[in-house]
C-alpha atoms as a PDB file:
ATOM      1  CA  MET A   1      10.083  31.348 -59.435  1.00  0.00           C
ATOM      2  CA  ILE A   2      12.613  28.592 -58.901  1.00  0.00           C
ATOM      3  CA  THR A   3      15.630  28.485 -56.612  1.00  0.00           C
ATOM      4  CA  VAL A   4      18.400  26.088 -57.610  1.00  0.00           C
ATOM      5  CA  ILE A   5      21.239  25.081 -55.280  1.00  0.00           C
ATOM      6  CA  THR A   6      24.309  23.562 -56.848  1.00  0.00           C
ATOM      7  CA  SER A   7      27.111  22.089 -54.832  1.00  0.00           C
ATOM      8  CA  PHE A   8      30.399  20.289 -55.324  1.00  0.00           C
ATOM      9  CA  GLN A   9      33.197  18.919 -53.197  1.00  0.00           C
ATOM     10  CA  LEU A  10      36.589  20.401 -53.942  1.00  0.00           C
ATOM     11  CA  PRO A  11      39.620  18.035 -54.297  1.00  0.00           C
ATOM     12  CA  LYS A  12      41.364  20.065 -51.583  1.00  0.00           C
ATOM     13  CA  PRO A  13      40.179  22.985 -49.445  1.00  0.00           C
ATOM     14  CA  ILE A  14      40.712  26.465 -50.823  1.00  0.00           C
ATOM     15  CA  THR A  15      40.829  29.866 -49.205  1.00  0.00           C
ATOM     16  CA  ARG A  16      38.170  32.585 -49.609  1.00  0.00           C
ATOM     17  CA  GLU A  17      40.564  34.514 -51.802  1.00  0.00           C
ATOM     18  CA  GLU A  18      41.207  31.516 -54.040  1.00  0.00           C
ATOM     19  CA  ALA A  19      37.498  30.948 -54.308  1.00  0.00           C
ATOM     20  CA  GLN A  20      36.812  34.554 -55.151  1.00  0.00           C
ATOM     21  CA  LYS A  21      39.349  34.408 -57.999  1.00  0.00           C
ATOM     22  CA  LEU A  22      37.930  31.097 -59.264  1.00  0.00           C
ATOM     23  CA  PHE A  23      34.319  32.356 -59.064  1.00  0.00           C
ATOM     24  CA  LEU A  24      35.136  35.619 -60.787  1.00  0.00           C
ATOM     25  CA  SER A  25      36.522  33.599 -63.718  1.00  0.00           C
ATOM     26  CA  THR A  26      33.052  32.160 -64.381  1.00  0.00           C
ATOM     27  CA  ALA A  27      30.781  34.996 -63.187  1.00  0.00           C
ATOM     28  CA  PRO A  28      30.662  36.881 -66.577  1.00  0.00           C
ATOM     29  CA  LYS A  29      29.106  33.789 -68.208  1.00  0.00           C
ATOM     30  CA  TYR A  30      25.982  34.335 -66.113  1.00  0.00           C
ATOM     31  CA  LEU A  31      25.426  37.973 -67.059  1.00  0.00           C
ATOM     32  CA  GLY A  32      22.393  38.275 -69.292  1.00  0.00           C
ATOM     33  CA  VAL A  33      21.357  34.615 -69.075  1.00  0.00           C
ATOM     34  CA  ALA A  34      17.649  34.389 -69.921  1.00  0.00           C
ATOM     35  CA  GLY A  35      15.523  33.941 -66.799  1.00  0.00           C
ATOM     36  CA  LEU A  36      18.343  34.222 -64.270  1.00  0.00           C
ATOM     37  CA  LEU A  37      17.458  36.839 -61.686  1.00  0.00           C
ATOM     38  CA  ARG A  38      20.375  36.416 -59.336  1.00  0.00           C
ATOM     39  CA  LYS A  39      23.282  34.069 -58.552  1.00  0.00           C
ATOM     40  CA  TYR A  40      25.266  33.713 -55.359  1.00  0.00           C
ATOM     41  CA  TYR A  41      28.530  31.830 -55.291  1.00  0.00           C
ATOM     42  CA  VAL A  42      29.070  30.013 -52.013  1.00  0.00           C
ATOM     43  CA  LEU A  43      32.030  28.432 -50.208  1.00  0.00           C
ATOM     44  CA  SER A  44      31.855  26.296 -47.082  1.00  0.00           C
ATOM     45  CA  GLN A  45      33.526  27.651 -43.943  1.00  0.00           C
ATOM     46  CA  ASP A  46      36.303  25.034 -44.198  1.00  0.00           C
ATOM     47  CA  GLY A  47      36.802  25.653 -47.931  1.00  0.00           C
ATOM     48  CA  SER A  48      36.141  22.053 -48.899  1.00  0.00           C
ATOM     49  CA  ALA A  49      32.876  22.602 -50.780  1.00  0.00           C
ATOM     50  CA  GLY A  50      31.434  25.229 -53.015  1.00  0.00           C
ATOM     51  CA  GLY A  51      28.448  25.920 -55.152  1.00  0.00           C
ATOM     52  CA  GLY A  52      25.825  28.406 -56.259  1.00  0.00           C
ATOM     53  CA  ILE A  53      22.404  29.574 -55.287  1.00  0.00           C
ATOM     54  CA  TYR A  54      20.364  30.795 -58.215  1.00  0.00           C
ATOM     55  CA  LEU A  55      16.961  32.482 -58.484  1.00  0.00           C
ATOM     56  CA  TRP A  56      15.233  31.822 -61.777  1.00  0.00           C
ATOM     57  CA  ASN A  57      11.978  33.006 -63.356  1.00  0.00           C
ATOM     58  CA  SER A  58      11.107  29.397 -64.302  1.00  0.00           C
ATOM     59  CA  ARG A  59      12.290  25.820 -64.087  1.00  0.00           C
ATOM     60  CA  ALA A  60      12.453  25.592 -67.873  1.00  0.00           C
ATOM     61  CA  GLU A  61      14.919  28.512 -68.032  1.00  0.00           C
ATOM     62  CA  ALA A  62      16.996  26.909 -65.229  1.00  0.00           C
ATOM     63  CA  GLU A  63      17.036  23.507 -66.907  1.00  0.00           C
ATOM     64  CA  ALA A  64      18.247  25.116 -70.102  1.00  0.00           C
ATOM     65  CA  VAL A  65      21.515  25.977 -68.277  1.00  0.00           C
ATOM     66  CA  TYR A  66      22.218  22.795 -66.289  1.00  0.00           C
ATOM     67  CA  THR A  67      23.079  20.669 -69.331  1.00  0.00           C
ATOM     68  CA  ASP A  68      25.618  17.891 -69.740  1.00  0.00           C
ATOM     69  CA  SER A  69      28.098  20.490 -71.078  1.00  0.00           C
ATOM     70  CA  TRP A  70      27.520  22.711 -67.996  1.00  0.00           C
ATOM     71  CA  ARG A  71      28.169  19.667 -65.742  1.00  0.00           C
ATOM     72  CA  ALA A  72      31.340  18.861 -67.692  1.00  0.00           C
ATOM     73  CA  LEU A  73      32.593  22.453 -67.347  1.00  0.00           C
ATOM     74  CA  ALA A  74      31.840  22.442 -63.587  1.00  0.00           C
ATOM     75  CA  ARG A  75      33.632  19.080 -63.230  1.00  0.00           C
ATOM     76  CA  GLU A  76      36.673  20.460 -65.102  1.00  0.00           C
ATOM     77  CA  LYS A  77      36.703  23.753 -63.153  1.00  0.00           C
ATOM     78  CA  TYR A  78      36.026  22.422 -59.649  1.00  0.00           C
ATOM     79  CA  GLY A  79      37.286  18.844 -59.779  1.00  0.00           C
ATOM     80  CA  SER A  80      34.040  16.953 -58.971  1.00  0.00           C
ATOM     81  CA  ASP A  81      30.536  16.346 -60.265  1.00  0.00           C
ATOM     82  CA  PRO A  82      28.079  19.010 -59.150  1.00  0.00           C
ATOM     83  CA  SER A  83      24.717  18.275 -57.615  1.00  0.00           C
ATOM     84  CA  VAL A  84      21.721  20.339 -58.756  1.00  0.00           C
ATOM     85  CA  THR A  85      18.596  20.655 -56.600  1.00  0.00           C
ATOM     86  CA  TYR A  86      15.439  22.547 -57.603  1.00  0.00           C
ATOM     87  CA  PHE A  87      13.105  24.320 -55.150  1.00  0.00           C
ATOM     88  CA  GLU A  88       9.849  26.171 -55.777  1.00  0.00           C
ATOM     89  CA  SER A  89      10.110  29.755 -54.548  1.00  0.00           C
ATOM     90  CA  PRO A  90       6.539  31.065 -54.372  1.00  0.00           C
ATOM     91  CA  VAL A  91       7.562  34.129 -52.289  1.00  0.00           C
ATOM     92  CA  VAL A  92      10.849  36.053 -52.088  1.00  0.00           C
ATOM     93  CA  VAL A  93      11.571  38.904 -49.625  1.00  0.00           C
ATOM     94  CA  ASP A  94      14.076  41.386 -51.084  1.00  0.00           C
ATOM     95  CA  ASN A  95      15.300  43.863 -48.461  1.00  0.00           C
ATOM     96  CA  VAL A  96      17.544  45.666 -50.962  1.00  0.00           C
ATOM     97  CA  SER A  97      14.674  46.707 -53.205  1.00  0.00           C
ATOM     98  CA  HIS A  98      12.171  46.622 -50.353  1.00  0.00           C
ATOM     99  CA  GLU A  99       9.906  44.233 -52.285  1.00  0.00           C
ATOM    100  CA  ILE A 100       8.067  41.016 -51.672  1.00  0.00           C
ATOM    101  CA  LEU A 101       7.988  39.042 -54.895  1.00  0.00           C
ATOM    102  CA  SER A 102       5.352  36.436 -55.618  1.00  0.00           C
ATOM    103  CA  ASP A 103       4.527  34.150 -58.512  1.00  0.00           C
ATOM    104  CA  GLU A 104       0.911  35.348 -58.395  1.00  0.00           C
END
């Protein structure tokens, strides 16, 4: 599994409520995306930065999403270029489903 963290600086700080409205406007685009297990939208405590934390089945499936057009959409929506960082996730603890997930 792969965890991807995206982040971007906002042109001006926003409130939690503004972020929620903004994030809800893009959330439906991620429903049913091949390989995406879960996405968390995040906002810094001071409202000056945001991003996403994604859990993917594979890096290939993740890379299929973070294209130049995705970057352009993020830039247009959030006002700055996003950064994208990939991490291997060999083990995930899920306390909701009471599972420990592993690539093995």
